[in-house]
Amino acid sequence: STNYADSVKGRFTISRDNAKNTVYLQMNSLKPEDTAVY
């Protein structure tokens, strides 16, 4: 199950690689309003 805020839906993708103990956030089509500390 994955969920997204409306502001990023269709542009961001969350995924996980448990073997690497890591979660990723792929961010495409970035906009100035995406500027923030994540």
PDB file of all heavy atoms in Angstrom:
ATOM      1  N   SER A   1       0.840  -1.195   0.000  1.00  0.00           N
ATOM      2  CA  SER A   1       0.000   0.000   0.000  1.00  0.00           C
ATOM      3  C   SER A   1       0.870   1.239   0.000  1.00  0.00           C
ATOM      4  O   SER A   1       1.794   1.360   0.806  1.00  0.00           O
ATOM      5  CB  SER A   1      -0.894   0.002   1.244  1.00  0.00           C
ATOM      6  OG  SER A   1      -1.659   1.183   1.304  1.00  0.00           O
ATOM      7  N   THR A   2       0.583   2.135  -0.927  1.00  0.00           N
ATOM      8  CA  THR A   2       1.269   3.420  -0.987  1.00  0.00           C
ATOM      9  C   THR A   2       0.213   4.518  -1.093  1.00  0.00           C
ATOM     10  O   THR A   2      -0.846   4.315  -1.689  1.00  0.00           O
ATOM     11  CB  THR A   2       2.219   3.512  -2.186  1.00  0.00           C
ATOM     12  OG1 THR A   2       1.475   3.301  -3.398  1.00  0.00           O
ATOM     13  CG2 THR A   2       3.322   2.470  -2.092  1.00  0.00           C
ATOM     14  N   ASN A   3       0.535   5.658  -0.517  1.00  0.00           N
ATOM     15  CA  ASN A   3      -0.385   6.786  -0.558  1.00  0.00           C
ATOM     16  C   ASN A   3       0.385   8.073  -0.810  1.00  0.00           C
ATOM     17  O   ASN A   3       1.556   8.185  -0.431  1.00  0.00           O
ATOM     18  CB  ASN A   3      -1.161   6.905   0.756  1.00  0.00           C
ATOM     19  CG  ASN A   3      -2.073   5.719   0.989  1.00  0.00           C
ATOM     20  OD1 ASN A   3      -3.084   5.566   0.316  1.00  0.00           O
ATOM     21  ND2 ASN A   3      -1.713   4.864   1.929  1.00  0.00           N
ATOM     22  N   TYR A   4      -0.306   9.030  -1.431  1.00  0.00           N
ATOM     23  CA  TYR A   4       0.345  10.291  -1.797  1.00  0.00           C
ATOM     24  C   TYR A   4      -0.566  11.465  -1.506  1.00  0.00           C
ATOM     25  O   TYR A   4      -1.796  11.376  -1.657  1.00  0.00           O
ATOM     26  CB  TYR A   4       0.672  10.287  -3.293  1.00  0.00           C
ATOM     27  CG  TYR A   4       1.590   9.168  -3.712  1.00  0.00           C
ATOM     28  CD1 TYR A   4       1.074   7.951  -4.148  1.00  0.00           C
ATOM     29  CD2 TYR A   4       2.977   9.317  -3.653  1.00  0.00           C
ATOM     30  CE1 TYR A   4       1.909   6.908  -4.507  1.00  0.00           C
ATOM     31  CE2 TYR A   4       3.823   8.286  -4.019  1.00  0.00           C
ATOM     32  CZ  TYR A   4       3.288   7.085  -4.448  1.00  0.00           C
ATOM     33  OH  TYR A   4       4.129   6.061  -4.809  1.00  0.00           O
ATOM     34  N   ALA A   5       0.061  12.563  -1.125  1.00  0.00           N
ATOM     35  CA  ALA A   5      -0.676  13.813  -1.025  1.00  0.00           C
ATOM     36  C   ALA A   5      -1.108  14.232  -2.425  1.00  0.00           C
ATOM     37  O   ALA A   5      -0.419  13.947  -3.414  1.00  0.00           O
ATOM     38  CB  ALA A   5       0.196  14.893  -0.398  1.00  0.00           C
ATOM     39  N   ASP A   6      -2.226  14.914  -2.510  1.00  0.00           N
ATOM     40  CA  ASP A   6      -2.735  15.336  -3.819  1.00  0.00           C
ATOM     41  C   ASP A   6      -1.718  16.191  -4.571  1.00  0.00           C
ATOM     42  O   ASP A   6      -1.637  16.146  -5.794  1.00  0.00           O
ATOM     43  CB  ASP A   6      -4.036  16.122  -3.650  1.00  0.00           C
ATOM     44  CG  ASP A   6      -5.196  15.233  -3.259  1.00  0.00           C
ATOM     45  OD1 ASP A   6      -5.106  13.998  -3.410  1.00  0.00           O
ATOM     46  OD2 ASP A   6      -6.222  15.781  -2.789  1.00  0.00           O
ATOM     47  N   SER A   7      -0.935  16.962  -3.834  1.00  0.00           N
ATOM     48  CA  SER A   7       0.007  17.885  -4.458  1.00  0.00           C
ATOM     49  C   SER A   7       1.143  17.180  -5.188  1.00  0.00           C
ATOM     50  O   SER A   7       1.810  17.790  -6.032  1.00  0.00           O
ATOM     51  CB  SER A   7       0.580  18.836  -3.416  1.00  0.00           C
ATOM     52  OG  SER A   7       1.235  18.118  -2.393  1.00  0.00           O
ATOM     53  N   VAL A   8       1.381  15.902  -4.869  1.00  0.00           N
ATOM     54  CA  VAL A   8       2.501  15.181  -5.498  1.00  0.00           C
ATOM     55  C   VAL A   8       2.042  13.956  -6.282  1.00  0.00           C
ATOM     56  O   VAL A   8       2.855  13.309  -6.950  1.00  0.00           O
ATOM     57  CB  VAL A   8       3.553  14.751  -4.456  1.00  0.00           C
ATOM     58  CG1 VAL A   8       4.006  15.961  -3.626  1.00  0.00           C
ATOM     59  CG2 VAL A   8       3.028  13.643  -3.555  1.00  0.00           C
ATOM     60  N   LYS A   9       0.765  13.654  -6.213  1.00  0.00           N
ATOM     61  CA  LYS A   9       0.247  12.458  -6.874  1.00  0.00           C
ATOM     62  C   LYS A   9       0.513  12.527  -8.367  1.00  0.00           C
ATOM     63  O   LYS A   9       0.282  13.546  -9.012  1.00  0.00           O
ATOM     64  CB  LYS A   9      -1.257  12.344  -6.596  1.00  0.00           C
ATOM     65  CG  LYS A   9      -1.843  10.972  -6.834  1.00  0.00           C
ATOM     66  CD  LYS A   9      -3.265  10.909  -6.322  1.00  0.00           C
ATOM     67  CE  LYS A   9      -3.334  11.047  -4.816  1.00  0.00           C
ATOM     68  NZ  LYS A   9      -4.715  10.930  -4.288  1.00  0.00           N
ATOM     69  N   GLY A  10       1.028  11.436  -8.914  1.00  0.00           N
ATOM     70  CA  GLY A  10       1.355  11.379 -10.329  1.00  0.00           C
ATOM     71  C   GLY A  10       2.758  11.840 -10.651  1.00  0.00           C
ATOM     72  O   GLY A  10       3.236  11.639 -11.775  1.00  0.00           O
ATOM     73  N   ARG A  11       3.419  12.469  -9.681  1.00  0.00           N
ATOM     74  CA  ARG A  11       4.785  12.952  -9.899  1.00  0.00           C
ATOM     75  C   ARG A  11       5.801  12.241  -9.021  1.00  0.00           C
ATOM     76  O   ARG A  11       6.949  12.065  -9.431  1.00  0.00           O
ATOM     77  CB  ARG A  11       4.858  14.463  -9.619  1.00  0.00           C
ATOM     78  CG  ARG A  11       3.953  15.297 -10.506  1.00  0.00           C
ATOM     79  CD  ARG A  11       4.207  16.790 -10.303  1.00  0.00           C
ATOM     80  NE  ARG A  11       3.924  17.241  -8.945  1.00  0.00           N
ATOM     81  CZ  ARG A  11       4.823  17.821  -8.144  1.00  0.00           C
ATOM     82  NH1 ARG A  11       6.055  18.026  -8.565  1.00  0.00           N
ATOM     83  NH2 ARG A  11       4.473  18.217  -6.921  1.00  0.00           N
ATOM     84  N   PHE A  12       5.391  11.858  -7.828  1.00  0.00           N
ATOM     85  CA  PHE A  12       6.293  11.205  -6.879  1.00  0.00           C
ATOM     86  C   PHE A  12       5.928   9.731  -6.763  1.00  0.00           C
ATOM     87  O   PHE A  12       4.751   9.354  -6.853  1.00  0.00           O
ATOM     88  CB  PHE A  12       6.172  11.832  -5.493  1.00  0.00           C
ATOM     89  CG  PHE A  12       6.723  13.227  -5.370  1.00  0.00           C
ATOM     90  CD1 PHE A  12       7.075  13.985  -6.475  1.00  0.00           C
ATOM     91  CD2 PHE A  12       6.891  13.795  -4.119  1.00  0.00           C
ATOM     92  CE1 PHE A  12       7.573  15.271  -6.346  1.00  0.00           C
ATOM     93  CE2 PHE A  12       7.401  15.064  -3.959  1.00  0.00           C
ATOM     94  CZ  PHE A  12       7.728  15.819  -5.073  1.00  0.00           C
ATOM     95  N   THR A  13       6.956   8.909  -6.533  1.00  0.00           N
ATOM     96  CA  THR A  13       6.741   7.472  -6.330  1.00  0.00           C
ATOM     97  C   THR A  13       7.570   7.008  -5.139  1.00  0.00           C
ATOM     98  O   THR A  13       8.786   7.232  -5.108  1.00  0.00           O
ATOM     99  CB  THR A  13       7.139   6.671  -7.574  1.00  0.00           C
ATOM    100  OG1 THR A  13       6.400   7.147  -8.703  1.00  0.00           O
ATOM    101  CG2 THR A  13       6.852   5.187  -7.368  1.00  0.00           C
ATOM    102  N   ILE A  14       6.915   6.359  -4.198  1.00  0.00           N
ATOM    103  CA  ILE A  14       7.613   5.811  -3.038  1.00  0.00           C
ATOM    104  C   ILE A  14       7.813   4.312  -3.260  1.00  0.00           C
ATOM    105  O   ILE A  14       6.945   3.626  -3.828  1.00  0.00           O
ATOM    106  CB  ILE A  14       6.818   6.085  -1.736  1.00  0.00           C
ATOM    107  CG1 ILE A  14       7.651   5.757  -0.509  1.00  0.00           C
ATOM    108  CG2 ILE A  14       5.489   5.344  -1.734  1.00  0.00           C
ATOM    109  CD1 ILE A  14       7.014   6.230   0.805  1.00  0.00           C
ATOM    110  N   SER A  15       8.961   3.814  -2.825  1.00  0.00           N
ATOM    111  CA  SER A  15       9.243   2.389  -2.962  1.00  0.00           C
ATOM    112  C   SER A  15      10.195   1.968  -1.850  1.00  0.00           C
ATOM    113  O   SER A  15      10.767   2.815  -1.162  1.00  0.00           O
ATOM    114  CB  SER A  15       9.865   2.087  -4.329  1.00  0.00           C
ATOM    115  OG  SER A  15      11.102   2.750  -4.486  1.00  0.00           O
ATOM    116  N   ARG A  16      10.340   0.656  -1.693  1.00  0.00           N
ATOM    117  CA  ARG A  16      11.243   0.185  -0.646  1.00  0.00           C
ATOM    118  C   ARG A  16      12.060  -0.984  -1.159  1.00  0.00           C
ATOM    119  O   ARG A  16      11.597  -1.768  -1.987  1.00  0.00           O
ATOM    120  CB  ARG A  16      10.444  -0.189   0.603  1.00  0.00           C
ATOM    121  CG  ARG A  16       9.487  -1.344   0.471  1.00  0.00           C
ATOM    122  CD  ARG A  16       8.566  -1.409   1.698  1.00  0.00           C
ATOM    123  NE  ARG A  16       9.336  -1.403   2.923  1.00  0.00           N
ATOM    124  CZ  ARG A  16       8.882  -0.911   4.086  1.00  0.00           C
ATOM    125  NH1 ARG A  16       7.668  -0.400   4.158  1.00  0.00           N
ATOM    126  NH2 ARG A  16       9.638  -0.934   5.157  1.00  0.00           N
ATOM    127  N   ASP A  17      13.286  -1.076  -0.653  1.00  0.00           N
ATOM    128  CA  ASP A  17      14.171  -2.192  -0.927  1.00  0.00           C
ATOM    129  C   ASP A  17      14.591  -2.734   0.429  1.00  0.00           C
ATOM    130  O   ASP A  17      15.528  -2.227   1.053  1.00  0.00           O
ATOM    131  CB  ASP A  17      15.378  -1.734  -1.752  1.00  0.00           C
ATOM    132  CG  ASP A  17      16.274  -2.889  -2.170  1.00  0.00           C
ATOM    133  OD1 ASP A  17      16.212  -3.959  -1.534  1.00  0.00           O
ATOM    134  OD2 ASP A  17      17.049  -2.717  -3.112  1.00  0.00           O
ATOM    135  N   ASN A  18      13.877  -3.733   0.884  1.00  0.00           N
ATOM    136  CA  ASN A  18      14.144  -4.249   2.232  1.00  0.00           C
ATOM    137  C   ASN A  18      15.526  -4.877   2.351  1.00  0.00           C
ATOM    138  O   ASN A  18      16.125  -4.865   3.430  1.00  0.00           O
ATOM    139  CB  ASN A  18      13.061  -5.241   2.634  1.00  0.00           C
ATOM    140  CG  ASN A  18      11.711  -4.578   2.855  1.00  0.00           C
ATOM    141  OD1 ASN A  18      11.629  -3.376   3.107  1.00  0.00           O
ATOM    142  ND2 ASN A  18      10.642  -5.353   2.766  1.00  0.00           N
ATOM    143  N   ALA A  19      16.033  -5.412   1.273  1.00  0.00           N
ATOM    144  CA  ALA A  19      17.379  -6.005   1.303  1.00  0.00           C
ATOM    145  C   ALA A  19      18.432  -4.947   1.608  1.00  0.00           C
ATOM    146  O   ALA A  19      19.464  -5.246   2.215  1.00  0.00           O
ATOM    147  CB  ALA A  19      17.681  -6.684  -0.026  1.00  0.00           C
ATOM    148  N   LYS A  20      18.154  -3.723   1.187  1.00  0.00           N
ATOM    149  CA  LYS A  20      19.086  -2.618   1.443  1.00  0.00           C
ATOM    150  C   LYS A  20      18.653  -1.781   2.643  1.00  0.00           C
ATOM    151  O   LYS A  20      19.302  -0.783   2.963  1.00  0.00           O
ATOM    152  CB  LYS A  20      19.198  -1.724   0.211  1.00  0.00           C
ATOM    153  CG  LYS A  20      19.823  -2.415  -0.993  1.00  0.00           C
ATOM    154  CD  LYS A  20      19.976  -1.465  -2.167  1.00  0.00           C
ATOM    155  CE  LYS A  20      20.655  -2.162  -3.341  1.00  0.00           C
ATOM    156  NZ  LYS A  20      20.828  -1.257  -4.503  1.00  0.00           N
ATOM    157  N   ASN A  21      17.542  -2.195   3.266  1.00  0.00           N
ATOM    158  CA  ASN A  21      17.039  -1.458   4.440  1.00  0.00           C
ATOM    159  C   ASN A  21      16.809   0.016   4.112  1.00  0.00           C
ATOM    160  O   ASN A  21      17.121   0.903   4.928  1.00  0.00           O
ATOM    161  CB  ASN A  21      18.002  -1.600   5.625  1.00  0.00           C
ATOM    162  CG  ASN A  21      17.269  -1.857   6.936  1.00  0.00           C
ATOM    163  OD1 ASN A  21      16.164  -2.393   6.963  1.00  0.00           O
ATOM    164  ND2 ASN A  21      17.885  -1.473   8.043  1.00  0.00           N
ATOM    165  N   THR A  22      16.272   0.258   2.942  1.00  0.00           N
ATOM    166  CA  THR A  22      16.145   1.623   2.423  1.00  0.00           C
ATOM    167  C   THR A  22      14.783   1.832   1.757  1.00  0.00           C
ATOM    168  O   THR A  22      14.262   0.919   1.117  1.00  0.00           O
ATOM    169  CB  THR A  22      17.259   1.916   1.409  1.00  0.00           C
ATOM    170  OG1 THR A  22      18.532   1.739   2.034  1.00  0.00           O
ATOM    171  CG2 THR A  22      17.167   3.340   0.865  1.00  0.00           C
ATOM    172  N   VAL A  23      14.255   3.030   1.943  1.00  0.00           N
ATOM    173  CA  VAL A  23      13.046   3.463   1.245  1.00  0.00           C
ATOM    174  C   VAL A  23      13.411   4.645   0.369  1.00  0.00           C
ATOM    175  O   VAL A  23      14.243   5.479   0.754  1.00  0.00           O
ATOM    176  CB  VAL A  23      11.938   3.843   2.242  1.00  0.00           C
ATOM    177  CG1 VAL A  23      10.779   4.541   1.552  1.00  0.00           C
ATOM    178  CG2 VAL A  23      11.441   2.602   2.974  1.00  0.00           C
ATOM    179  N   TYR A  24      12.791   4.719  -0.795  1.00  0.00           N
ATOM    180  CA  TYR A  24      13.102   5.761  -1.761  1.00  0.00           C
ATOM    181  C   TYR A  24      11.880   6.627  -2.046  1.00  0.00           C
ATOM    182  O   TYR A  24      10.736   6.171  -1.934  1.00  0.00           O
ATOM    183  CB  TYR A  24      13.579   5.146  -3.076  1.00  0.00           C
ATOM    184  CG  TYR A  24      14.758   4.240  -2.928  1.00  0.00           C
ATOM    185  CD1 TYR A  24      14.608   2.855  -2.859  1.00  0.00           C
ATOM    186  CD2 TYR A  24      16.047   4.760  -2.837  1.00  0.00           C
ATOM    187  CE1 TYR A  24      15.685   2.014  -2.720  1.00  0.00           C
ATOM    188  CE2 TYR A  24      17.147   3.920  -2.697  1.00  0.00           C
ATOM    189  CZ  TYR A  24      16.958   2.557  -2.643  1.00  0.00           C
ATOM    190  OH  TYR A  24      18.044   1.736  -2.492  1.00  0.00           O
ATOM    191  N   LEU A  25      12.146   7.851  -2.440  1.00  0.00           N
ATOM    192  CA  LEU A  25      11.098   8.735  -2.945  1.00  0.00           C
ATOM    193  C   LEU A  25      11.603   9.306  -4.264  1.00  0.00           C
ATOM    194  O   LEU A  25      12.499  10.161  -4.269  1.00  0.00           O
ATOM    195  CB  LEU A  25      10.776   9.852  -1.953  1.00  0.00           C
ATOM    196  CG  LEU A  25       9.601  10.742  -2.357  1.00  0.00           C
ATOM    197  CD1 LEU A  25       8.289   9.946  -2.307  1.00  0.00           C
ATOM    198  CD2 LEU A  25       9.506  11.974  -1.458  1.00  0.00           C
ATOM    199  N   GLN A  26      11.074   8.793  -5.352  1.00  0.00           N
ATOM    200  CA  GLN A  26      11.410   9.302  -6.671  1.00  0.00           C
ATOM    201  C   GLN A  26      10.523  10.499  -6.963  1.00  0.00           C
ATOM    202  O   GLN A  26       9.295  10.389  -6.933  1.00  0.00           O
ATOM    203  CB  GLN A  26      11.189   8.220  -7.730  1.00  0.00           C
ATOM    204  CG  GLN A  26      11.468   8.680  -9.149  1.00  0.00           C
ATOM    205  CD  GLN A  26      12.926   8.984  -9.396  1.00  0.00           C
ATOM    206  OE1 GLN A  26      13.797   8.233  -8.970  1.00  0.00           O
ATOM    207  NE2 GLN A  26      13.201  10.087 -10.088  1.00  0.00           N
ATOM    208  N   MET A  27      11.154  11.626  -7.245  1.00  0.00           N
ATOM    209  CA  MET A  27      10.414  12.862  -7.469  1.00  0.00           C
ATOM    210  C   MET A  27      10.672  13.352  -8.882  1.00  0.00           C
ATOM    211  O   MET A  27      11.815  13.679  -9.225  1.00  0.00           O
ATOM    212  CB  MET A  27      10.837  13.925  -6.445  1.00  0.00           C
ATOM    213  CG  MET A  27      10.748  13.448  -5.004  1.00  0.00           C
ATOM    214  SD  MET A  27      11.062  14.761  -3.801  1.00  0.00           S
ATOM    215  CE  MET A  27      12.738  15.172  -4.200  1.00  0.00           C
ATOM    216  N   ASN A  28       9.636  13.382  -9.678  1.00  0.00           N
ATOM    217  CA  ASN A  28       9.726  13.833 -11.066  1.00  0.00           C
ATOM    218  C   ASN A  28       8.907  15.100 -11.262  1.00  0.00           C
ATOM    219  O   ASN A  28       8.063  15.449 -10.436  1.00  0.00           O
ATOM    220  CB  ASN A  28       9.216  12.740 -12.011  1.00  0.00           C
ATOM    221  CG  ASN A  28      10.029  11.462 -11.931  1.00  0.00           C
ATOM    222  OD1 ASN A  28      11.224  11.490 -11.663  1.00  0.00           O
ATOM    223  ND2 ASN A  28       9.373  10.337 -12.176  1.00  0.00           N
ATOM    224  N   SER A  29       9.148  15.767 -12.360  1.00  0.00           N
ATOM    225  CA  SER A  29       8.405  16.988 -12.709  1.00  0.00           C
ATOM    226  C   SER A  29       8.364  17.959 -11.536  1.00  0.00           C
ATOM    227  O   SER A  29       7.311  18.486 -11.172  1.00  0.00           O
ATOM    228  CB  SER A  29       6.980  16.627 -13.147  1.00  0.00           C
ATOM    229  OG  SER A  29       6.993  15.740 -14.245  1.00  0.00           O
ATOM    230  N   LEU A  30       9.510  18.181 -10.953  1.00  0.00           N
ATOM    231  CA  LEU A  30       9.569  19.010  -9.747  1.00  0.00           C
ATOM    232  C   LEU A  30       9.176  20.453 -10.038  1.00  0.00           C
ATOM    233  O   LEU A  30       9.464  20.989 -11.127  1.00  0.00           O
ATOM    234  CB  LEU A  30      10.959  18.940  -9.139  1.00  0.00           C
ATOM    235  CG  LEU A  30      11.221  17.639  -8.363  1.00  0.00           C
ATOM    236  CD1 LEU A  30      12.709  17.413  -8.160  1.00  0.00           C
ATOM    237  CD2 LEU A  30      10.511  17.669  -7.017  1.00  0.00           C
ATOM    238  N   LYS A  31       8.543  21.045  -9.046  1.00  0.00           N
ATOM    239  CA  LYS A  31       8.071  22.424  -9.143  1.00  0.00           C
ATOM    240  C   LYS A  31       8.712  23.259  -8.040  1.00  0.00           C
ATOM    241  O   LYS A  31       9.111  22.721  -7.002  1.00  0.00           O
ATOM    242  CB  LYS A  31       6.554  22.462  -8.961  1.00  0.00           C
ATOM    243  CG  LYS A  31       5.776  21.569  -9.911  1.00  0.00           C
ATOM    244  CD  LYS A  31       4.295  21.580  -9.570  1.00  0.00           C
ATOM    245  CE  LYS A  31       3.507  20.684 -10.501  1.00  0.00           C
ATOM    246  NZ  LYS A  31       2.053  20.682 -10.168  1.00  0.00           N
ATOM    247  N   PRO A  32       8.795  24.565  -8.213  1.00  0.00           N
ATOM    248  CA  PRO A  32       9.353  25.406  -7.150  1.00  0.00           C
ATOM    249  C   PRO A  32       8.647  25.209  -5.813  1.00  0.00           C
ATOM    250  O   PRO A  32       9.300  25.288  -4.761  1.00  0.00           O
ATOM    251  CB  PRO A  32       9.148  26.827  -7.706  1.00  0.00           C
ATOM    252  CG  PRO A  32       9.195  26.655  -9.183  1.00  0.00           C
ATOM    253  CD  PRO A  32       8.523  25.336  -9.448  1.00  0.00           C
ATOM    254  N   GLU A  33       7.368  24.920  -5.839  1.00  0.00           N
ATOM    255  CA  GLU A  33       6.633  24.728  -4.581  1.00  0.00           C
ATOM    256  C   GLU A  33       6.970  23.413  -3.890  1.00  0.00           C
ATOM    257  O   GLU A  33       6.509  23.165  -2.771  1.00  0.00           O
ATOM    258  CB  GLU A  33       5.117  24.815  -4.815  1.00  0.00           C
ATOM    259  CG  GLU A  33       4.607  23.961  -5.952  1.00  0.00           C
ATOM    260  CD  GLU A  33       4.444  24.753  -7.239  1.00  0.00           C
ATOM    261  OE1 GLU A  33       5.354  25.539  -7.584  1.00  0.00           O
ATOM    262  OE2 GLU A  33       3.415  24.548  -7.921  1.00  0.00           O
ATOM    263  N   ASP A  34       7.779  22.568  -4.526  1.00  0.00           N
ATOM    264  CA  ASP A  34       8.271  21.362  -3.863  1.00  0.00           C
ATOM    265  C   ASP A  34       9.497  21.647  -2.997  1.00  0.00           C
ATOM    266  O   ASP A  34       9.966  20.751  -2.289  1.00  0.00           O
ATOM    267  CB  ASP A  34       8.633  20.295  -4.906  1.00  0.00           C
ATOM    268  CG  ASP A  34       7.423  19.781  -5.670  1.00  0.00           C
ATOM    269  OD1 ASP A  34       6.367  19.565  -5.038  1.00  0.00           O
ATOM    270  OD2 ASP A  34       7.549  19.596  -6.902  1.00  0.00           O
ATOM    271  N   THR A  35      10.004  22.849  -3.066  1.00  0.00           N
ATOM    272  CA  THR A  35      11.172  23.228  -2.277  1.00  0.00           C
ATOM    273  C   THR A  35      10.857  23.106  -0.791  1.00  0.00           C
ATOM    274  O   THR A  35       9.886  23.703  -0.290  1.00  0.00           O
ATOM    275  CB  THR A  35      11.599  24.667  -2.598  1.00  0.00           C
ATOM    276  OG1 THR A  35      12.026  24.715  -3.967  1.00  0.00           O
ATOM    277  CG2 THR A  35      12.724  25.127  -1.683  1.00  0.00           C
ATOM    278  N   ALA A  36      11.674  22.329  -0.082  1.00  0.00           N
ATOM    279  CA  ALA A  36      11.442  22.070   1.341  1.00  0.00           C
ATOM    280  C   ALA A  36      12.549  21.170   1.864  1.00  0.00           C
ATOM    281  O   ALA A  36      13.340  20.624   1.087  1.00  0.00           O
ATOM    282  CB  ALA A  36      10.095  21.378   1.550  1.00  0.00           C
ATOM    283  N   VAL A  37      12.579  21.029   3.174  1.00  0.00           N
ATOM    284  CA  VAL A  37      13.382  19.970   3.787  1.00  0.00           C
ATOM    285  C   VAL A  37      12.493  18.735   3.855  1.00  0.00           C
ATOM    286  O   VAL A  37      11.360  18.804   4.352  1.00  0.00           O
ATOM    287  CB  VAL A  37      13.864  20.371   5.187  1.00  0.00           C
ATOM    288  CG1 VAL A  37      14.643  19.224   5.823  1.00  0.00           C
ATOM    289  CG2 VAL A  37      14.716  21.628   5.114  1.00  0.00           C
ATOM    290  N   TYR A  38      13.010  17.640   3.352  1.00  0.00           N
ATOM    291  CA  TYR A  38      12.250  16.389   3.308  1.00  0.00           C
ATOM    292  C   TYR A  38      12.737  15.454   4.408  1.00  0.00           C
ATOM    293  O   TYR A  38      13.953  15.243   4.567  1.00  0.00           O
ATOM    294  CB  TYR A  38      12.408  15.730   1.946  1.00  0.00           C
ATOM    295  CG  TYR A  38      11.565  16.389   0.886  1.00  0.00           C
ATOM    296  CD1 TYR A  38      11.889  17.658   0.414  1.00  0.00           C
ATOM    297  CD2 TYR A  38      10.429  15.770   0.366  1.00  0.00           C
ATOM    298  CE1 TYR A  38      11.105  18.292  -0.545  1.00  0.00           C
ATOM    299  CE2 TYR A  38       9.641  16.377  -0.596  1.00  0.00           C
ATOM    300  CZ  TYR A  38       9.978  17.642  -1.047  1.00  0.00           C
ATOM    301  OH  TYR A  38       9.205  18.267  -2.004  1.00  0.00           O
TER     302      TYR A  38
END
